[in-house]
Amino acid sequence: MIDWLGWLGATCTACGVRLPVGASAPWCGGCAPAAIARPPIGTVDCANLRLVSAFVYGGAVAAAIGRAKAGELPAISVWTQDLAMAWKMLAPPQGATIVAIAPQAERLATRGFHLPDLLAARLEAPCFPVRLALRRTDRQPMRRADRREVPVFVAQPGHNRHAVLVDDVVTTGKTLAAAATVLREQGWIVQHAISLADARPAAVAWGLAQG
């Protein structure tokens, strides 16, 4: 089947500029260098989670995620390969359940979609099912700059199954830690997490050093 998007000329995931006819890469020449850096495998403080991210947050990656959150969802498909690479590095146990970080209800109603859910769907496979095992009950402020409040989740029983948490951007790790805690209380084994981008200071500093 012809890839009509590539044939007609795709657009850069970050800046939106149209790529040359036949090109199917997600980044234009100007944005590509800023999207190459991938953070090393790290851990989430206070949660004992092994975290792997596809990118360091910033520059072209930040712009691309911003466009996706604004509703330009076709950009999701171009991250499939990067997510697959991060998933391979994460190496979760066979049969683990993929659990996306649950959305704040008010924000979900405003956007009509939830980026972690879309990313989880890209990772789903016969041996790695996706399950909506988390529900968020707090009313988070609409401005994401305020990270002092810890999200409040409730979880379904896990019956000693492994869960892999999925989020779009890890800023402090508090959201992943809160979700892991609640899942563990309900009998889940939570040791792995994957995100599209890592925005924690150590990861960003590493990314800058690569440039």
C-alpha atoms as a PDB file:
ATOM      1  CA  MET A   1       0.000   0.000   0.000  1.00  0.00           C
ATOM      2  CA  ILE A   2       1.301   3.475  -0.864  1.00  0.00           C
ATOM      3  CA  ASP A   3       2.177   5.689   2.073  1.00  0.00           C
ATOM      4  CA  TRP A   4       0.214   8.699   0.836  1.00  0.00           C
ATOM      5  CA  LEU A   5       1.407  10.870   3.713  1.00  0.00           C
ATOM      6  CA  GLY A   6       5.033  10.282   2.757  1.00  0.00           C
ATOM      7  CA  TRP A   7       4.316  10.514  -0.969  1.00  0.00           C
ATOM      8  CA  LEU A   8       2.611  13.888  -0.741  1.00  0.00           C
ATOM      9  CA  GLY A   9       5.082  15.272   1.771  1.00  0.00           C
ATOM     10  CA  ALA A  10       4.687  14.844   5.521  1.00  0.00           C
ATOM     11  CA  THR A  11       4.995  17.705   7.993  1.00  0.00           C
ATOM     12  CA  CYS A  12       7.567  18.068  10.749  1.00  0.00           C
ATOM     13  CA  THR A  13       6.209  16.802  14.055  1.00  0.00           C
ATOM     14  CA  ALA A  14       7.712  19.770  15.903  1.00  0.00           C
ATOM     15  CA  CYS A  15       7.433  22.905  13.761  1.00  0.00           C
ATOM     16  CA  GLY A  16       4.833  21.827  11.215  1.00  0.00           C
ATOM     17  CA  VAL A  17       6.902  22.715   8.135  1.00  0.00           C
ATOM     18  CA  ARG A  18       6.118  20.529   5.132  1.00  0.00           C
ATOM     19  CA  LEU A  19       8.811  17.984   4.367  1.00  0.00           C
ATOM     20  CA  PRO A  20      10.003  17.233   0.819  1.00  0.00           C
ATOM     21  CA  VAL A  21       7.842  14.961  -1.323  1.00  0.00           C
ATOM     22  CA  GLY A  22       8.583  11.350  -0.462  1.00  0.00           C
ATOM     23  CA  ALA A  23       9.920  12.113   3.010  1.00  0.00           C
ATOM     24  CA  SER A  24       8.298  10.318   5.938  1.00  0.00           C
ATOM     25  CA  ALA A  25      10.655  11.190   8.798  1.00  0.00           C
ATOM     26  CA  PRO A  26       8.956  12.908  11.755  1.00  0.00           C
ATOM     27  CA  TRP A  27      11.439  15.789  11.960  1.00  0.00           C
ATOM     28  CA  CYS A  28      12.664  18.406   9.504  1.00  0.00           C
ATOM     29  CA  GLY A  29      16.397  19.077   9.160  1.00  0.00           C
ATOM     30  CA  GLY A  30      16.249  21.953  11.617  1.00  0.00           C
ATOM     31  CA  CYS A  31      14.415  20.062  14.349  1.00  0.00           C
ATOM     32  CA  ALA A  32      16.002  16.623  13.980  1.00  0.00           C
ATOM     33  CA  PRO A  33      19.243  17.340  15.915  1.00  0.00           C
ATOM     34  CA  ALA A  34      17.246  18.469  18.963  1.00  0.00           C
ATOM     35  CA  ALA A  35      15.218  15.256  18.946  1.00  0.00           C
ATOM     36  CA  ILE A  36      18.071  12.767  18.742  1.00  0.00           C
ATOM     37  CA  ALA A  37      19.089  12.748  22.403  1.00  0.00           C
ATOM     38  CA  ARG A  38      17.492   9.985  24.450  1.00  0.00           C
ATOM     39  CA  PRO A  39      17.905   9.931  28.232  1.00  0.00           C
ATOM     40  CA  PRO A  40      19.656   7.028  29.919  1.00  0.00           C
ATOM     41  CA  ILE A  41      17.655   4.511  31.914  1.00  0.00           C
ATOM     42  CA  GLY A  42      16.844   6.017  35.286  1.00  0.00           C
ATOM     43  CA  THR A  43      14.772   5.458  38.387  1.00  0.00           C
ATOM     44  CA  VAL A  44      11.871   7.326  39.936  1.00  0.00           C
ATOM     45  CA  ASP A  45      12.653   8.594  43.423  1.00  0.00           C
ATOM     46  CA  CYS A  46      10.596   7.086  46.257  1.00  0.00           C
ATOM     47  CA  ALA A  47       8.889   4.607  43.924  1.00  0.00           C
ATOM     48  CA  ASN A  48      11.589   2.081  43.013  1.00  0.00           C
ATOM     49  CA  LEU A  49      10.512   2.258  39.359  1.00  0.00           C
ATOM     50  CA  ARG A  50      12.768   1.557  36.401  1.00  0.00           C
ATOM     51  CA  LEU A  51      11.962   4.371  33.951  1.00  0.00           C
ATOM     52  CA  VAL A  52      12.841   4.518  30.272  1.00  0.00           C
ATOM     53  CA  SER A  53      11.866   7.498  28.111  1.00  0.00           C
ATOM     54  CA  ALA A  54      11.980   7.855  24.354  1.00  0.00           C
ATOM     55  CA  PHE A  55      13.271  11.442  24.493  1.00  0.00           C
ATOM     56  CA  VAL A  56      14.636  14.186  26.676  1.00  0.00           C
ATOM     57  CA  TYR A  57      11.970  16.887  26.977  1.00  0.00           C
ATOM     58  CA  GLY A  58      12.794  20.187  25.369  1.00  0.00           C
ATOM     59  CA  GLY A  59      13.230  21.915  22.029  1.00  0.00           C
ATOM     60  CA  ALA A  60      11.680  20.042  19.115  1.00  0.00           C
ATOM     61  CA  VAL A  61      10.325  17.301  21.364  1.00  0.00           C
ATOM     62  CA  ALA A  62       8.529  19.803  23.616  1.00  0.00           C
ATOM     63  CA  ALA A  63       7.045  21.511  20.559  1.00  0.00           C
ATOM     64  CA  ALA A  64       5.856  18.206  19.110  1.00  0.00           C
ATOM     65  CA  ILE A  65       4.224  17.125  22.375  1.00  0.00           C
ATOM     66  CA  GLY A  66       2.613  20.547  22.659  1.00  0.00           C
ATOM     67  CA  ARG A  67       1.104  20.141  19.197  1.00  0.00           C
ATOM     68  CA  ALA A  68      -0.173  16.668  20.084  1.00  0.00           C
ATOM     69  CA  LYS A  69      -1.818  17.944  23.269  1.00  0.00           C
ATOM     70  CA  ALA A  70      -3.411  20.733  21.259  1.00  0.00           C
ATOM     71  CA  GLY A  71      -5.175  18.093  19.199  1.00  0.00           C
ATOM     72  CA  GLU A  72      -2.821  17.483  16.267  1.00  0.00           C
ATOM     73  CA  LEU A  73      -3.003  13.740  16.873  1.00  0.00           C
ATOM     74  CA  PRO A  74      -1.486  12.443  13.611  1.00  0.00           C
ATOM     75  CA  ALA A  75       1.871  13.161  15.244  1.00  0.00           C
ATOM     76  CA  ILE A  76       1.290  10.174  17.553  1.00  0.00           C
ATOM     77  CA  SER A  77       1.973   7.650  14.796  1.00  0.00           C
ATOM     78  CA  VAL A  78       5.490   8.912  14.118  1.00  0.00           C
ATOM     79  CA  TRP A  79       6.553   8.148  17.697  1.00  0.00           C
ATOM     80  CA  THR A  80       5.770   4.436  17.394  1.00  0.00           C
ATOM     81  CA  GLN A  81       9.347   3.470  16.522  1.00  0.00           C
ATOM     82  CA  ASP A  82      10.824   5.583  19.334  1.00  0.00           C
ATOM     83  CA  LEU A  83       8.405   4.090  21.846  1.00  0.00           C
ATOM     84  CA  ALA A  84       9.256   0.596  20.607  1.00  0.00           C
ATOM     85  CA  MET A  85      12.966   1.260  21.158  1.00  0.00           C
ATOM     86  CA  ALA A  86      12.301   2.539  24.683  1.00  0.00           C
ATOM     87  CA  TRP A  87      10.081  -0.481  25.373  1.00  0.00           C
ATOM     88  CA  LYS A  88      12.846  -2.844  24.269  1.00  0.00           C
ATOM     89  CA  MET A  89      15.275  -1.108  26.638  1.00  0.00           C
ATOM     90  CA  LEU A  90      12.740  -1.319  29.459  1.00  0.00           C
ATOM     91  CA  ALA A  91      12.351  -5.095  28.958  1.00  0.00           C
ATOM     92  CA  PRO A  92       9.228  -5.623  31.100  1.00  0.00           C
ATOM     93  CA  PRO A  93       8.215  -9.172  32.049  1.00  0.00           C
ATOM     94  CA  GLN A  94       6.120 -11.116  29.539  1.00  0.00           C
ATOM     95  CA  GLY A  95       2.417 -10.777  30.193  1.00  0.00           C
ATOM     96  CA  ALA A  96       2.727  -7.457  32.028  1.00  0.00           C
ATOM     97  CA  THR A  97      -0.321  -5.202  31.868  1.00  0.00           C
ATOM     98  CA  ILE A  98       0.129  -1.732  30.356  1.00  0.00           C
ATOM     99  CA  VAL A  99      -1.506   0.886  32.580  1.00  0.00           C
ATOM    100  CA  ALA A 100      -1.693   4.490  31.409  1.00  0.00           C
ATOM    101  CA  ILE A 101      -1.611   7.247  33.990  1.00  0.00           C
ATOM    102  CA  ALA A 102      -5.242   8.251  34.429  1.00  0.00           C
ATOM    103  CA  PRO A 103      -6.353  11.741  33.356  1.00  0.00           C
ATOM    104  CA  GLN A 104      -7.812  14.456  35.504  1.00  0.00           C
ATOM    105  CA  ALA A 105     -11.496  14.412  34.563  1.00  0.00           C
ATOM    106  CA  GLU A 106     -11.819  18.138  33.880  1.00  0.00           C
ATOM    107  CA  ARG A 107      -8.857  18.147  31.503  1.00  0.00           C
ATOM    108  CA  LEU A 108     -10.112  15.021  29.710  1.00  0.00           C
ATOM    109  CA  ALA A 109     -13.488  16.678  29.163  1.00  0.00           C
ATOM    110  CA  THR A 110     -11.766  19.752  27.743  1.00  0.00           C
ATOM    111  CA  ARG A 111      -9.449  17.916  25.346  1.00  0.00           C
ATOM    112  CA  GLY A 112     -11.569  14.921  24.517  1.00  0.00           C
ATOM    113  CA  PHE A 113      -8.550  12.601  24.557  1.00  0.00           C
ATOM    114  CA  HIS A 114      -5.689  11.593  26.835  1.00  0.00           C
ATOM    115  CA  LEU A 115      -2.162  11.335  25.418  1.00  0.00           C
ATOM    116  CA  PRO A 116      -0.931   8.537  27.759  1.00  0.00           C
ATOM    117  CA  ASP A 117      -3.906   6.412  26.639  1.00  0.00           C
ATOM    118  CA  LEU A 118      -2.920   6.899  22.993  1.00  0.00           C
ATOM    119  CA  LEU A 119       0.702   6.028  23.768  1.00  0.00           C
ATOM    120  CA  ALA A 120      -0.378   2.902  25.676  1.00  0.00           C
ATOM    121  CA  ALA A 121      -2.393   1.803  22.651  1.00  0.00           C
ATOM    122  CA  ARG A 122       0.776   2.027  20.537  1.00  0.00           C
ATOM    123  CA  LEU A 123       2.535  -0.352  22.926  1.00  0.00           C
ATOM    124  CA  GLU A 124      -0.270  -2.889  23.228  1.00  0.00           C
ATOM    125  CA  ALA A 125       0.506  -6.399  22.007  1.00  0.00           C
ATOM    126  CA  PRO A 126      -1.021  -9.860  22.546  1.00  0.00           C
ATOM    127  CA  CYS A 127       1.409 -10.524  25.404  1.00  0.00           C
ATOM    128  CA  PHE A 128       1.145  -6.966  26.778  1.00  0.00           C
ATOM    129  CA  PRO A 129      -2.531  -6.000  27.184  1.00  0.00           C
ATOM    130  CA  VAL A 130      -3.719  -2.504  28.054  1.00  0.00           C
ATOM    131  CA  ARG A 131      -6.056  -2.093  31.015  1.00  0.00           C
ATOM    132  CA  LEU A 132      -7.705   0.954  32.543  1.00  0.00           C
ATOM    133  CA  ALA A 133      -6.684   0.063  36.090  1.00  0.00           C
ATOM    134  CA  LEU A 134      -6.347   3.626  37.428  1.00  0.00           C
ATOM    135  CA  ARG A 135      -8.836   6.425  38.030  1.00  0.00           C
ATOM    136  CA  ARG A 136      -7.886   9.924  39.091  1.00  0.00           C
ATOM    137  CA  THR A 137     -10.054  11.578  41.731  1.00  0.00           C
ATOM    138  CA  ASP A 138      -8.395  14.925  42.463  1.00  0.00           C
ATOM    139  CA  ARG A 139      -9.090  18.221  40.725  1.00  0.00           C
ATOM    140  CA  GLN A 140      -5.660  19.242  39.457  1.00  0.00           C
ATOM    141  CA  PRO A 141      -5.142  22.917  38.577  1.00  0.00           C
ATOM    142  CA  MET A 142      -5.333  23.478  34.827  1.00  0.00           C
ATOM    143  CA  ARG A 143      -1.847  25.004  34.762  1.00  0.00           C
ATOM    144  CA  ARG A 144       0.689  22.170  34.678  1.00  0.00           C
ATOM    145  CA  ALA A 145       3.396  24.461  36.095  1.00  0.00           C
ATOM    146  CA  ASP A 146       2.022  23.823  39.594  1.00  0.00           C
ATOM    147  CA  ARG A 147       3.555  20.493  40.608  1.00  0.00           C
ATOM    148  CA  ARG A 148       3.371  20.861  44.358  1.00  0.00           C
ATOM    149  CA  GLU A 149       0.176  18.837  44.705  1.00  0.00           C
ATOM    150  CA  VAL A 150       0.390  15.059  44.408  1.00  0.00           C
ATOM    151  CA  PRO A 151      -2.287  13.426  42.188  1.00  0.00           C
ATOM    152  CA  VAL A 152      -4.820  11.175  43.893  1.00  0.00           C
ATOM    153  CA  PHE A 153      -5.641   7.832  42.259  1.00  0.00           C
ATOM    154  CA  VAL A 154      -7.762   4.791  42.984  1.00  0.00           C
ATOM    155  CA  ALA A 155      -6.861   1.415  41.452  1.00  0.00           C
ATOM    156  CA  GLN A 156      -8.538  -1.847  40.557  1.00  0.00           C
ATOM    157  CA  PRO A 157      -7.287  -5.073  42.177  1.00  0.00           C
ATOM    158  CA  GLY A 158      -4.164  -6.478  40.561  1.00  0.00           C
ATOM    159  CA  HIS A 159      -4.050 -10.048  41.926  1.00  0.00           C
ATOM    160  CA  ASN A 160      -0.232 -10.068  41.912  1.00  0.00           C
ATOM    161  CA  ARG A 161       0.108  -9.161  38.212  1.00  0.00           C
ATOM    162  CA  HIS A 162       2.843  -6.935  36.804  1.00  0.00           C
ATOM    163  CA  ALA A 163       1.906  -3.446  35.630  1.00  0.00           C
ATOM    164  CA  VAL A 164       3.929  -1.101  33.401  1.00  0.00           C
ATOM    165  CA  LEU A 165       3.016   2.559  33.885  1.00  0.00           C
ATOM    166  CA  VAL A 166       2.804   4.820  30.823  1.00  0.00           C
ATOM    167  CA  ASP A 167       2.919   8.626  30.883  1.00  0.00           C
ATOM    168  CA  ASP A 168       3.593  11.291  28.283  1.00  0.00           C
ATOM    169  CA  VAL A 169       6.017  13.573  30.164  1.00  0.00           C
ATOM    170  CA  VAL A 170       7.731  12.860  33.499  1.00  0.00           C
ATOM    171  CA  THR A 171       8.374  16.226  35.164  1.00  0.00           C
ATOM    172  CA  THR A 172       9.119  15.342  38.790  1.00  0.00           C
ATOM    173  CA  GLY A 173       8.182  11.654  39.076  1.00  0.00           C
ATOM    174  CA  LYS A 174       5.494  12.405  41.681  1.00  0.00           C
ATOM    175  CA  THR A 175       2.659  11.278  39.433  1.00  0.00           C
ATOM    176  CA  LEU A 176       4.316   7.948  38.639  1.00  0.00           C
ATOM    177  CA  ALA A 177       5.177   7.426  42.306  1.00  0.00           C
ATOM    178  CA  ALA A 178       1.604   8.128  43.423  1.00  0.00           C
ATOM    179  CA  ALA A 179       0.172   5.776  40.815  1.00  0.00           C
ATOM    180  CA  ALA A 180       2.650   3.030  41.682  1.00  0.00           C
ATOM    181  CA  THR A 181       1.841   3.302  45.378  1.00  0.00           C
ATOM    182  CA  VAL A 182      -1.913   2.946  44.846  1.00  0.00           C
ATOM    183  CA  LEU A 183      -1.503   0.042  42.430  1.00  0.00           C
ATOM    184  CA  ARG A 184       0.799  -1.798  44.834  1.00  0.00           C
ATOM    185  CA  GLU A 185      -1.733  -1.339  47.614  1.00  0.00           C
ATOM    186  CA  GLN A 186      -4.228  -3.137  45.396  1.00  0.00           C
ATOM    187  CA  GLY A 187      -1.944  -6.094  44.759  1.00  0.00           C
ATOM    188  CA  TRP A 188      -0.132  -5.060  41.568  1.00  0.00           C
ATOM    189  CA  ILE A 189       3.610  -5.598  41.085  1.00  0.00           C
ATOM    190  CA  VAL A 190       4.873  -2.272  39.737  1.00  0.00           C
ATOM    191  CA  GLN A 191       8.548  -2.107  38.794  1.00  0.00           C
ATOM    192  CA  HIS A 192       8.577  -0.513  35.321  1.00  0.00           C
ATOM    193  CA  ALA A 193       7.503   2.771  33.741  1.00  0.00           C
ATOM    194  CA  ILE A 194       7.840   4.261  30.266  1.00  0.00           C
ATOM    195  CA  SER A 195       7.293   7.809  29.060  1.00  0.00           C
ATOM    196  CA  LEU A 196       7.528   9.704  25.813  1.00  0.00           C
ATOM    197  CA  ALA A 197       9.805  12.336  27.347  1.00  0.00           C
ATOM    198  CA  ASP A 198      11.761  12.881  30.567  1.00  0.00           C
ATOM    199  CA  ALA A 199      11.711  16.491  31.774  1.00  0.00           C
ATOM    200  CA  ARG A 200      13.434  15.939  35.109  1.00  0.00           C
ATOM    201  CA  PRO A 201      16.472  18.194  35.656  1.00  0.00           C
ATOM    202  CA  ALA A 202      19.030  15.371  35.475  1.00  0.00           C
ATOM    203  CA  ALA A 203      17.676  14.131  32.143  1.00  0.00           C
ATOM    204  CA  VAL A 204      17.510  17.636  30.668  1.00  0.00           C
ATOM    205  CA  ALA A 205      21.080  18.339  31.801  1.00  0.00           C
ATOM    206  CA  TRP A 206      22.191  15.089  30.171  1.00  0.00           C
ATOM    207  CA  GLY A 207      20.429  16.070  26.960  1.00  0.00           C
ATOM    208  CA  LEU A 208      22.122  19.478  26.909  1.00  0.00           C
ATOM    209  CA  ALA A 209      25.484  17.811  27.424  1.00  0.00           C
ATOM    210  CA  GLN A 210      24.886  15.648  24.337  1.00  0.00           C
ATOM    211  CA  GLY A 211      24.325  18.754  22.243  1.00  0.00           C
END
